PDB file of all heavy atoms in Angstrom:
ATOM      1  N   CYS A   1     114.635 116.089 115.713  1.00  0.00           N
ATOM      2  CA  CYS A   1     113.471 115.342 116.185  1.00  0.00           C
ATOM      3  C   CYS A   1     112.355 116.302 116.554  1.00  0.00           C
ATOM      4  O   CYS A   1     112.562 117.508 116.715  1.00  0.00           O
ATOM      5  CB  CYS A   1     113.833 114.459 117.375  1.00  0.00           C
ATOM      6  SG  CYS A   1     114.312 115.396 118.863  1.00  0.00           S
ATOM      7  N   ALA A   2     111.170 115.752 116.692  1.00  0.00           N
ATOM      8  CA  ALA A   2     110.018 116.510 117.178  1.00  0.00           C
ATOM      9  C   ALA A   2     108.962 115.516 117.626  1.00  0.00           C
ATOM     10  O   ALA A   2     108.992 114.336 117.236  1.00  0.00           O
ATOM     11  CB  ALA A   2     109.466 117.443 116.105  1.00  0.00           C
ATOM     12  N   LEU A   3     108.021 116.001 118.429  1.00  0.00           N
ATOM     13  CA  LEU A   3     106.978 115.179 119.014  1.00  0.00           C
ATOM     14  C   LEU A   3     105.642 115.884 118.812  1.00  0.00           C
ATOM     15  O   LEU A   3     105.573 117.116 118.831  1.00  0.00           O
ATOM     16  CB  LEU A   3     107.259 114.998 120.510  1.00  0.00           C
ATOM     17  CG  LEU A   3     106.319 114.143 121.354  1.00  0.00           C
ATOM     18  CD1 LEU A   3     106.434 112.672 120.950  1.00  0.00           C
ATOM     19  CD2 LEU A   3     106.652 114.312 122.831  1.00  0.00           C
ATOM     20  N   ALA A   4     104.577 115.105 118.595  1.00  0.00           N
ATOM     21  CA  ALA A   4     103.242 115.681 118.430  1.00  0.00           C
ATOM     22  C   ALA A   4     102.226 114.868 119.214  1.00  0.00           C
ATOM     23  O   ALA A   4     102.352 113.647 119.322  1.00  0.00           O
ATOM     24  CB  ALA A   4     102.850 115.728 116.953  1.00  0.00           C
ATOM     25  N   VAL A   5     101.220 115.549 119.743  1.00  0.00           N
ATOM     26  CA  VAL A   5     100.121 114.898 120.454  1.00  0.00           C
ATOM     27  C   VAL A   5      98.823 115.456 119.889  1.00  0.00           C
ATOM     28  O   VAL A   5      98.655 116.678 119.791  1.00  0.00           O
ATOM     29  CB  VAL A   5     100.183 115.154 121.974  1.00  0.00           C
ATOM     30  CG1 VAL A   5      99.104 114.354 122.690  1.00  0.00           C
ATOM     31  CG2 VAL A   5     101.567 114.795 122.530  1.00  0.00           C
ATOM     32  N   CYS A   6      97.924 114.561 119.485  1.00  0.00           N
ATOM     33  CA  CYS A   6      96.684 114.960 118.822  1.00  0.00           C
ATOM     34  C   CYS A   6      95.527 114.965 119.828  1.00  0.00           C
ATOM     35  O   CYS A   6      95.327 114.006 120.566  1.00  0.00           O
ATOM     36  CB  CYS A   6      96.382 114.014 117.665  1.00  0.00           C
ATOM     37  SG  CYS A   6      95.127 114.642 116.549  1.00  0.00           S
ATOM     38  N   ASP A   7      94.776 116.058 119.820  1.00  0.00           N
ATOM     39  CA  ASP A   7      93.648 116.233 120.736  1.00  0.00           C
ATOM     40  C   ASP A   7      92.448 116.726 119.927  1.00  0.00           C
ATOM     41  O   ASP A   7      92.193 117.924 119.847  1.00  0.00           O
ATOM     42  CB  ASP A   7      94.031 117.240 121.825  1.00  0.00           C
ATOM     43  CG  ASP A   7      92.861 117.622 122.727  1.00  0.00           C
ATOM     44  OD1 ASP A   7      92.077 116.726 123.085  1.00  0.00           O
ATOM     45  OD2 ASP A   7      92.734 118.828 123.045  1.00  0.00           O
ATOM     46  N   GLY A   8      91.737 115.802 119.307  1.00  0.00           N
ATOM     47  CA  GLY A   8      90.572 116.182 118.523  1.00  0.00           C
ATOM     48  C   GLY A   8      90.956 117.049 117.346  1.00  0.00           C
ATOM     49  O   GLY A   8      91.725 116.643 116.475  1.00  0.00           O
ATOM     50  N   GLU A   9      90.431 118.288 117.325  1.00  0.00           N
ATOM     51  CA  GLU A   9      90.707 119.168 116.196  1.00  0.00           C
ATOM     52  C   GLU A   9      92.056 119.874 116.315  1.00  0.00           C
ATOM     53  O   GLU A   9      92.420 120.656 115.438  1.00  0.00           O
ATOM     54  CB  GLU A   9      89.596 120.208 116.062  1.00  0.00           C
ATOM     55  CG  GLU A   9      89.478 121.176 117.226  1.00  0.00           C
ATOM     56  CD  GLU A   9      88.400 122.225 117.016  1.00  0.00           C
ATOM     57  OE1 GLU A   9      88.025 122.458 115.846  1.00  0.00           O
ATOM     58  OE2 GLU A   9      87.934 122.802 118.009  1.00  0.00           O
ATOM     59  N   PHE A  10      92.811 119.591 117.383  1.00  0.00           N
ATOM     60  CA  PHE A  10      94.100 120.235 117.603  1.00  0.00           C
ATOM     61  C   PHE A  10      95.226 119.210 117.660  1.00  0.00           C
ATOM     62  O   PHE A  10      95.036 118.098 118.138  1.00  0.00           O
ATOM     63  CB  PHE A  10      94.098 121.027 118.911  1.00  0.00           C
ATOM     64  CG  PHE A  10      93.142 122.177 118.931  1.00  0.00           C
ATOM     65  CD1 PHE A  10      91.910 122.065 119.560  1.00  0.00           C
ATOM     66  CD2 PHE A  10      93.464 123.371 118.315  1.00  0.00           C
ATOM     67  CE1 PHE A  10      91.021 123.116 119.573  1.00  0.00           C
ATOM     68  CE2 PHE A  10      92.583 124.434 118.334  1.00  0.00           C
ATOM     69  CZ  PHE A  10      91.356 124.310 118.955  1.00  0.00           C
ATOM     70  N   VAL A  11      96.403 119.618 117.179  1.00  0.00           N
ATOM     71  CA  VAL A  11      97.609 118.821 117.381  1.00  0.00           C
ATOM     72  C   VAL A  11      98.676 119.747 117.955  1.00  0.00           C
ATOM     73  O   VAL A  11      98.933 120.835 117.428  1.00  0.00           O
ATOM     74  CB  VAL A  11      98.089 118.142 116.080  1.00  0.00           C
ATOM     75  CG1 VAL A  11      98.385 119.142 114.967  1.00  0.00           C
ATOM     76  CG2 VAL A  11      99.313 117.265 116.357  1.00  0.00           C
ATOM     77  N   GLY A  12      99.249 119.349 119.087  1.00  0.00           N
ATOM     78  CA  GLY A  12     100.298 120.134 119.727  1.00  0.00           C
ATOM     79  C   GLY A  12     101.668 119.605 119.338  1.00  0.00           C
ATOM     80  O   GLY A  12     101.888 118.396 119.309  1.00  0.00           O
ATOM     81  N   ILE A  13     102.590 120.498 119.033  1.00  0.00           N
ATOM     82  CA  ILE A  13     103.958 120.145 118.637  1.00  0.00           C
ATOM     83  C   ILE A  13     104.898 120.453 119.797  1.00  0.00           C
ATOM     84  O   ILE A  13     104.872 121.563 120.350  1.00  0.00           O
ATOM     85  CB  ILE A  13     104.394 120.930 117.388  1.00  0.00           C
ATOM     86  CG1 ILE A  13     103.383 120.759 116.248  1.00  0.00           C
ATOM     87  CG2 ILE A  13     105.793 120.494 116.953  1.00  0.00           C
ATOM     88  CD1 ILE A  13     103.245 119.344 115.739  1.00  0.00           C
ATOM     89  N   TYR A  14     105.745 119.490 120.144  1.00  0.00           N
ATOM     90  CA  TYR A  14     106.639 119.636 121.292  1.00  0.00           C
ATOM     91  C   TYR A  14     108.040 119.112 120.960  1.00  0.00           C
ATOM     92  O   TYR A  14     108.234 118.369 119.994  1.00  0.00           O
ATOM     93  CB  TYR A  14     106.098 118.856 122.492  1.00  0.00           C
ATOM     94  CG  TYR A  14     104.755 119.327 122.983  1.00  0.00           C
ATOM     95  CD1 TYR A  14     103.576 118.670 122.623  1.00  0.00           C
ATOM     96  CD2 TYR A  14     104.656 120.437 123.824  1.00  0.00           C
ATOM     97  CE1 TYR A  14     102.339 119.110 123.076  1.00  0.00           C
ATOM     98  CE2 TYR A  14     103.427 120.882 124.286  1.00  0.00           C
ATOM     99  CZ  TYR A  14     102.271 120.209 123.906  1.00  0.00           C
ATOM    100  OH  TYR A  14     101.055 120.651 124.358  1.00  0.00           O
ATOM    101  N   ASP A  15     108.994 119.479 121.798  1.00  0.00           N
ATOM    102  CA  ASP A  15     110.356 118.927 121.773  1.00  0.00           C
ATOM    103  C   ASP A  15     110.975 118.938 120.375  1.00  0.00           C
ATOM    104  O   ASP A  15     111.515 117.936 119.904  1.00  0.00           O
ATOM    105  CB  ASP A  15     110.346 117.495 122.327  1.00  0.00           C
ATOM    106  CG  ASP A  15     110.152 117.458 123.832  1.00  0.00           C
ATOM    107  OD1 ASP A  15     110.494 118.461 124.490  1.00  0.00           O
ATOM    108  OD2 ASP A  15     109.655 116.450 124.349  1.00  0.00           O
ATOM    109  N   VAL A  16     110.922 120.091 119.721  1.00  0.00           N
ATOM    110  CA  VAL A  16     111.592 120.257 118.428  1.00  0.00           C
ATOM    111  C   VAL A  16     113.059 120.551 118.704  1.00  0.00           C
ATOM    112  O   VAL A  16     113.398 121.564 119.320  1.00  0.00           O
ATOM    113  CB  VAL A  16     110.959 121.394 117.612  1.00  0.00           C
ATOM    114  CG1 VAL A  16     111.663 121.540 116.260  1.00  0.00           C
ATOM    115  CG2 VAL A  16     109.464 121.141 117.421  1.00  0.00           C
ATOM    116  N   MET A  17     113.934 119.652 118.285  1.00  0.00           N
ATOM    117  CA  MET A  17     115.365 119.803 118.574  1.00  0.00           C
ATOM    118  C   MET A  17     116.196 119.422 117.354  1.00  0.00           C
ATOM    119  O   MET A  17     115.813 118.525 116.591  1.00  0.00           O
ATOM    120  CB  MET A  17     115.780 118.915 119.748  1.00  0.00           C
ATOM    121  CG  MET A  17     115.115 119.265 121.066  1.00  0.00           C
ATOM    122  SD  MET A  17     115.739 118.266 122.453  1.00  0.00           S
ATOM    123  CE  MET A  17     115.026 116.660 122.058  1.00  0.00           C
ATOM    124  N   THR A  18     117.318 120.099 117.195  1.00  0.00           N
ATOM    125  CA  THR A  18     118.294 119.766 116.162  1.00  0.00           C
ATOM    126  C   THR A  18     119.662 119.655 116.808  1.00  0.00           C
ATOM    127  O   THR A  18     120.042 120.524 117.606  1.00  0.00           O
ATOM    128  CB  THR A  18     118.346 120.840 115.060  1.00  0.00           C
ATOM    129  OG1 THR A  18     117.044 121.012 114.498  1.00  0.00           O
ATOM    130  CG2 THR A  18     119.310 120.435 113.951  1.00  0.00           C
ATOM    131  N   GLY A  19     120.388 118.589 116.490  1.00  0.00           N
ATOM    132  CA  GLY A  19     121.733 118.426 117.021  1.00  0.00           C
ATOM    133  C   GLY A  19     122.626 119.582 116.614  1.00  0.00           C
ATOM    134  O   GLY A  19     122.500 120.134 115.511  1.00  0.00           O
ATOM    135  N   GLU A  20     123.549 119.951 117.492  1.00  0.00           N
ATOM    136  CA  GLU A  20     124.377 121.133 117.260  1.00  0.00           C
ATOM    137  C   GLU A  20     125.122 121.073 115.934  1.00  0.00           C
ATOM    138  O   GLU A  20     125.275 122.083 115.241  1.00  0.00           O
ATOM    139  CB  GLU A  20     125.370 121.291 118.419  1.00  0.00           C
ATOM    140  CG  GLU A  20     126.168 122.575 118.370  1.00  0.00           C
ATOM    141  CD  GLU A  20     127.007 122.779 119.615  1.00  0.00           C
ATOM    142  OE1 GLU A  20     126.878 121.974 120.562  1.00  0.00           O
ATOM    143  OE2 GLU A  20     127.793 123.750 119.645  1.00  0.00           O
ATOM    144  N   ALA A  21     125.572 119.891 115.549  1.00  0.00           N
ATOM    145  CA  ALA A  21     126.355 119.759 114.312  1.00  0.00           C
ATOM    146  C   ALA A  21     125.493 119.808 113.055  1.00  0.00           C
ATOM    147  O   ALA A  21     126.032 119.865 111.938  1.00  0.00           O
ATOM    148  CB  ALA A  21     127.145 118.448 114.332  1.00  0.00           C
ATOM    149  N   TYR A  22     124.175 119.800 113.209  1.00  0.00           N
ATOM    150  CA  TYR A  22     123.289 119.699 112.045  1.00  0.00           C
ATOM    151  C   TYR A  22     122.365 120.902 111.887  1.00  0.00           C
ATOM    152  O   TYR A  22     121.418 120.856 111.096  1.00  0.00           O
ATOM    153  CB  TYR A  22     122.428 118.434 112.166  1.00  0.00           C
ATOM    154  CG  TYR A  22     123.242 117.164 112.257  1.00  0.00           C
ATOM    155  CD1 TYR A  22     123.447 116.543 113.497  1.00  0.00           C
ATOM    156  CD2 TYR A  22     123.824 116.600 111.126  1.00  0.00           C
ATOM    157  CE1 TYR A  22     124.194 115.376 113.591  1.00  0.00           C
ATOM    158  CE2 TYR A  22     124.570 115.447 111.215  1.00  0.00           C
ATOM    159  CZ  TYR A  22     124.756 114.837 112.446  1.00  0.00           C
ATOM    160  OH  TYR A  22     125.501 113.694 112.536  1.00  0.00           O
ATOM    161  N   ARG A  23     122.639 121.977 112.594  1.00  0.00           N
ATOM    162  CA  ARG A  23     121.754 123.132 112.543  1.00  0.00           C
ATOM    163  C   ARG A  23     121.923 123.930 111.252  1.00  0.00           C
ATOM    164  O   ARG A  23     122.898 123.776 110.543  1.00  0.00           O
ATOM    165  CB  ARG A  23     121.981 124.014 113.775  1.00  0.00           C
ATOM    166  CG  ARG A  23     121.529 123.317 115.054  1.00  0.00           C
ATOM    167  CD  ARG A  23     121.873 124.062 116.320  1.00  0.00           C
ATOM    168  NE  ARG A  23     121.477 123.265 117.475  1.00  0.00           N
ATOM    169  CZ  ARG A  23     121.840 123.530 118.722  1.00  0.00           C
ATOM    170  NH1 ARG A  23     122.597 124.575 118.981  1.00  0.00           N
ATOM    171  NH2 ARG A  23     121.444 122.740 119.716  1.00  0.00           N
ATOM    172  N   ARG A  24     120.899 124.743 110.966  1.00  0.00           N
ATOM    173  CA  ARG A  24     120.865 125.601 109.781  1.00  0.00           C
ATOM    174  C   ARG A  24     120.823 124.799 108.474  1.00  0.00           C
ATOM    175  O   ARG A  24     121.332 125.232 107.454  1.00  0.00           O
ATOM    176  CB  ARG A  24     122.051 126.570 109.773  1.00  0.00           C
ATOM    177  CG  ARG A  24     122.103 127.479 110.996  1.00  0.00           C
ATOM    178  CD  ARG A  24     123.208 128.507 110.897  1.00  0.00           C
ATOM    179  NE  ARG A  24     123.298 129.305 112.096  1.00  0.00           N
ATOM    180  CZ  ARG A  24     122.520 130.364 112.362  1.00  0.00           C
ATOM    181  NH1 ARG A  24     121.599 130.722 111.483  1.00  0.00           N
ATOM    182  NH2 ARG A  24     122.659 131.038 113.489  1.00  0.00           N
ATOM    183  N   ARG A  25     120.215 123.616 108.526  1.00  0.00           N
ATOM    184  CA  ARG A  25     120.027 122.811 107.312  1.00  0.00           C
ATOM    185  C   ARG A  25     118.546 122.583 107.007  1.00  0.00           C
ATOM    186  O   ARG A  25     118.218 121.869 106.067  1.00  0.00           O
ATOM    187  CB  ARG A  25     120.717 121.448 107.450  1.00  0.00           C
ATOM    188  CG  ARG A  25     122.205 121.505 107.721  1.00  0.00           C
ATOM    189  CD  ARG A  25     122.810 120.131 107.574  1.00  0.00           C
ATOM    190  NE  ARG A  25     124.152 120.036 108.123  1.00  0.00           N
ATOM    191  CZ  ARG A  25     124.918 118.947 108.053  1.00  0.00           C
ATOM    192  NH1 ARG A  25     124.438 117.849 107.471  1.00  0.00           N
ATOM    193  NH2 ARG A  25     126.128 118.928 108.572  1.00  0.00           N
ATOM    194  N   GLY A  26     117.665 123.134 107.809  1.00  0.00           N
ATOM    195  CA  GLY A  26     116.242 122.962 107.583  1.00  0.00           C
ATOM    196  C   GLY A  26     115.685 121.639 108.062  1.00  0.00           C
ATOM    197  O   GLY A  26     114.559 121.270 107.711  1.00  0.00           O
ATOM    198  N   LEU A  27     116.450 120.912 108.893  1.00  0.00           N
ATOM    199  CA  LEU A  27     116.005 119.583 109.315  1.00  0.00           C
ATOM    200  C   LEU A  27     114.826 119.660 110.274  1.00  0.00           C
ATOM    201  O   LEU A  27     113.917 118.820 110.220  1.00  0.00           O
ATOM    202  CB  LEU A  27     117.167 118.829 109.961  1.00  0.00           C
ATOM    203  CG  LEU A  27     118.397 118.603 109.067  1.00  0.00           C
ATOM    204  CD1 LEU A  27     119.482 117.866 109.838  1.00  0.00           C
ATOM    205  CD2 LEU A  27     118.023 117.843 107.804  1.00  0.00           C
ATOM    206  N   ALA A  28     114.806 120.656 111.167  1.00  0.00           N
ATOM    207  CA  ALA A  28     113.672 120.806 112.084  1.00  0.00           C
ATOM    208  C   ALA A  28     112.395 121.094 111.306  1.00  0.00           C
ATOM    209  O   ALA A  28     111.309 120.649 111.682  1.00  0.00           O
ATOM    210  CB  ALA A  28     113.952 121.921 113.086  1.00  0.00           C
ATOM    211  N   ARG A  29     112.520 121.816 110.213  1.00  0.00           N
ATOM    212  CA  ARG A  29     111.348 122.106 109.368  1.00  0.00           C
ATOM    213  C   ARG A  29     110.737 120.813 108.856  1.00  0.00           C
ATOM    214  O   ARG A  29     109.512 120.647 108.857  1.00  0.00           O
ATOM    215  CB  ARG A  29     111.774 123.001 108.202  1.00  0.00           C
ATOM    216  CG  ARG A  29     110.644 123.312 107.216  1.00  0.00           C
ATOM    217  CD  ARG A  29     111.181 124.062 106.002  1.00  0.00           C
ATOM    218  NE  ARG A  29     110.141 124.305 105.025  1.00  0.00           N
ATOM    219  CZ  ARG A  29     109.499 125.452 104.872  1.00  0.00           C
ATOM    220  NH1 ARG A  29     109.775 126.471 105.663  1.00  0.00           N
ATOM    221  NH2 ARG A  29     108.569 125.587 103.945  1.00  0.00           N
ATOM    222  N   TYR A  30     111.580 119.881 108.413  1.00  0.00           N
ATOM    223  CA  TYR A  30     111.071 118.611 107.908  1.00  0.00           C
ATOM    224  C   TYR A  30     110.414 117.801 109.028  1.00  0.00           C
ATOM    225  O   TYR A  30     109.397 117.143 108.810  1.00  0.00           O
ATOM    226  CB  TYR A  30     112.193 117.809 107.256  1.00  0.00           C
ATOM    227  CG  TYR A  30     112.570 118.314 105.887  1.00  0.00           C
ATOM    228  CD1 TYR A  30     113.792 118.929 105.662  1.00  0.00           C
ATOM    229  CD2 TYR A  30     111.700 118.171 104.814  1.00  0.00           C
ATOM    230  CE1 TYR A  30     114.141 119.399 104.409  1.00  0.00           C
ATOM    231  CE2 TYR A  30     112.032 118.631 103.559  1.00  0.00           C
ATOM    232  CZ  TYR A  30     113.256 119.244 103.350  1.00  0.00           C
ATOM    233  OH  TYR A  30     113.583 119.720 102.113  1.00  0.00           O
ATOM    234  N   ALA A  31     111.017 117.839 110.208  1.00  0.00           N
ATOM    235  CA  ALA A  31     110.439 117.090 111.327  1.00  0.00           C
ATOM    236  C   ALA A  31     109.050 117.615 111.666  1.00  0.00           C
ATOM    237  O   ALA A  31     108.095 116.842 111.830  1.00  0.00           O
ATOM    238  CB  ALA A  31     111.365 117.183 112.545  1.00  0.00           C
ATOM    239  N   VAL A  32     108.920 118.938 111.775  1.00  0.00           N
ATOM    240  CA  VAL A  32     107.622 119.532 112.092  1.00  0.00           C
ATOM    241  C   VAL A  32     106.634 119.264 110.956  1.00  0.00           C
ATOM    242  O   VAL A  32     105.465 118.949 111.186  1.00  0.00           O
ATOM    243  CB  VAL A  32     107.763 121.047 112.356  1.00  0.00           C
ATOM    244  CG1 VAL A  32     106.397 121.694 112.531  1.00  0.00           C
ATOM    245  CG2 VAL A  32     108.622 121.284 113.589  1.00  0.00           C
ATOM    246  N   HIS A  33     107.099 119.372 109.719  1.00  0.00           N
ATOM    247  CA  HIS A  33     106.230 119.130 108.567  1.00  0.00           C
ATOM    248  C   HIS A  33     105.630 117.730 108.612  1.00  0.00           C
ATOM    249  O   HIS A  33     104.421 117.545 108.384  1.00  0.00           O
ATOM    250  CB  HIS A  33     107.030 119.309 107.272  1.00  0.00           C
ATOM    251  CG  HIS A  33     106.273 118.949 106.031  1.00  0.00           C
ATOM    252  ND1 HIS A  33     105.304 119.761 105.483  1.00  0.00           N
ATOM    253  CD2 HIS A  33     106.339 117.857 105.237  1.00  0.00           C
ATOM    254  CE1 HIS A  33     104.805 119.183 104.405  1.00  0.00           C
ATOM    255  NE2 HIS A  33     105.417 118.031 104.234  1.00  0.00           N
ATOM    256  N   ALA A  34     106.448 116.731 108.911  1.00  0.00           N
ATOM    257  CA  ALA A  34     105.951 115.358 108.966  1.00  0.00           C
ATOM    258  C   ALA A  34     104.862 115.219 110.021  1.00  0.00           C
ATOM    259  O   ALA A  34     103.854 114.534 109.808  1.00  0.00           O
ATOM    260  CB  ALA A  34     107.105 114.398 109.251  1.00  0.00           C
ATOM    261  N   LEU A  35     105.044 115.887 111.165  1.00  0.00           N
ATOM    262  CA  LEU A  35     104.071 115.770 112.245  1.00  0.00           C
ATOM    263  C   LEU A  35     102.791 116.553 111.939  1.00  0.00           C
ATOM    264  O   LEU A  35     101.699 116.147 112.353  1.00  0.00           O
ATOM    265  CB  LEU A  35     104.688 116.237 113.556  1.00  0.00           C
ATOM    266  CG  LEU A  35     105.814 115.328 114.074  1.00  0.00           C
ATOM    267  CD1 LEU A  35     106.447 115.931 115.325  1.00  0.00           C
ATOM    268  CD2 LEU A  35     105.309 113.931 114.356  1.00  0.00           C
ATOM    269  N   LEU A  36     102.912 117.668 111.228  1.00  0.00           N
ATOM    270  CA  LEU A  36     101.712 118.394 110.815  1.00  0.00           C
ATOM    271  C   LEU A  36     100.883 117.550 109.858  1.00  0.00           C
ATOM    272  O   LEU A  36      99.646 117.516 109.944  1.00  0.00           O
ATOM    273  CB  LEU A  36     102.100 119.726 110.166  1.00  0.00           C
ATOM    274  CG  LEU A  36     102.761 120.757 111.074  1.00  0.00           C
ATOM    275  CD1 LEU A  36     103.139 121.996 110.282  1.00  0.00           C
ATOM    276  CD2 LEU A  36     101.857 121.129 112.242  1.00  0.00           C
ATOM    277  N   ASN A  37     101.552 116.857 108.971  1.00  0.00           N
ATOM    278  CA  ASN A  37     100.840 115.953 108.063  1.00  0.00           C
ATOM    279  C   ASN A  37     100.150 114.834 108.836  1.00  0.00           C
ATOM    280  O   ASN A  37      99.007 114.465 108.552  1.00  0.00           O
ATOM    281  CB  ASN A  37     101.816 115.351 107.047  1.00  0.00           C
ATOM    282  CG  ASN A  37     102.067 116.282 105.878  1.00  0.00           C
ATOM    283  OD1 ASN A  37     101.224 117.092 105.513  1.00  0.00           O
ATOM    284  ND2 ASN A  37     103.252 116.189 105.304  1.00  0.00           N
ATOM    285  N   TRP A  38     100.863 114.279 109.814  1.00  0.00           N
ATOM    286  CA  TRP A  38     100.273 113.223 110.643  1.00  0.00           C
ATOM    287  C   TRP A  38      99.041 113.748 111.382  1.00  0.00           C
ATOM    288  O   TRP A  38      98.002 113.087 111.433  1.00  0.00           O
ATOM    289  CB  TRP A  38     101.306 112.710 111.645  1.00  0.00           C
ATOM    290  CG  TRP A  38     100.727 111.777 112.668  1.00  0.00           C
ATOM    291  CD1 TRP A  38     100.429 110.456 112.517  1.00  0.00           C
ATOM    292  CD2 TRP A  38     100.355 112.115 114.018  1.00  0.00           C
ATOM    293  NE1 TRP A  38      99.905 109.941 113.682  1.00  0.00           N
ATOM    294  CE2 TRP A  38      99.847 110.929 114.615  1.00  0.00           C
ATOM    295  CE3 TRP A  38     100.415 113.279 114.771  1.00  0.00           C
ATOM    296  CZ2 TRP A  38      99.399 110.909 115.937  1.00  0.00           C
ATOM    297  CZ3 TRP A  38      99.968 113.262 116.083  1.00  0.00           C
ATOM    298  CH2 TRP A  38      99.465 112.072 116.649  1.00  0.00           C
ATOM    299  N   GLY A  39      99.158 114.962 111.956  1.00  0.00           N
ATOM    300  CA  GLY A  39      98.032 115.540 112.662  1.00  0.00           C
ATOM    301  C   GLY A  39      96.822 115.711 111.760  1.00  0.00           C
ATOM    302  O   GLY A  39      95.686 115.430 112.167  1.00  0.00           O
ATOM    303  N   GLU A  40      97.054 116.146 110.544  1.00  0.00           N
ATOM    304  CA  GLU A  40      95.940 116.305 109.604  1.00  0.00           C
ATOM    305  C   GLU A  40      95.313 114.955 109.271  1.00  0.00           C
ATOM    306  O   GLU A  40      94.091 114.829 109.178  1.00  0.00           O
ATOM    307  CB  GLU A  40      96.424 116.995 108.329  1.00  0.00           C
ATOM    308  CG  GLU A  40      95.292 117.364 107.387  1.00  0.00           C
ATOM    309  CD  GLU A  40      95.765 118.166 106.193  1.00  0.00           C
ATOM    310  OE1 GLU A  40      96.902 117.925 105.736  1.00  0.00           O
ATOM    311  OE2 GLU A  40      95.003 119.013 105.715  1.00  0.00           O
TER     312      GLU A  40
END
């Protein structure tokens, strides 16, 4: 999971977490990617 808050020309990314059983699969990358797209 991850959380984003948009403030004008900036978007802050927070609470990026991956469950212990699911680490090292690139899932956090996808979560952050989705939020960066949303921020844009």
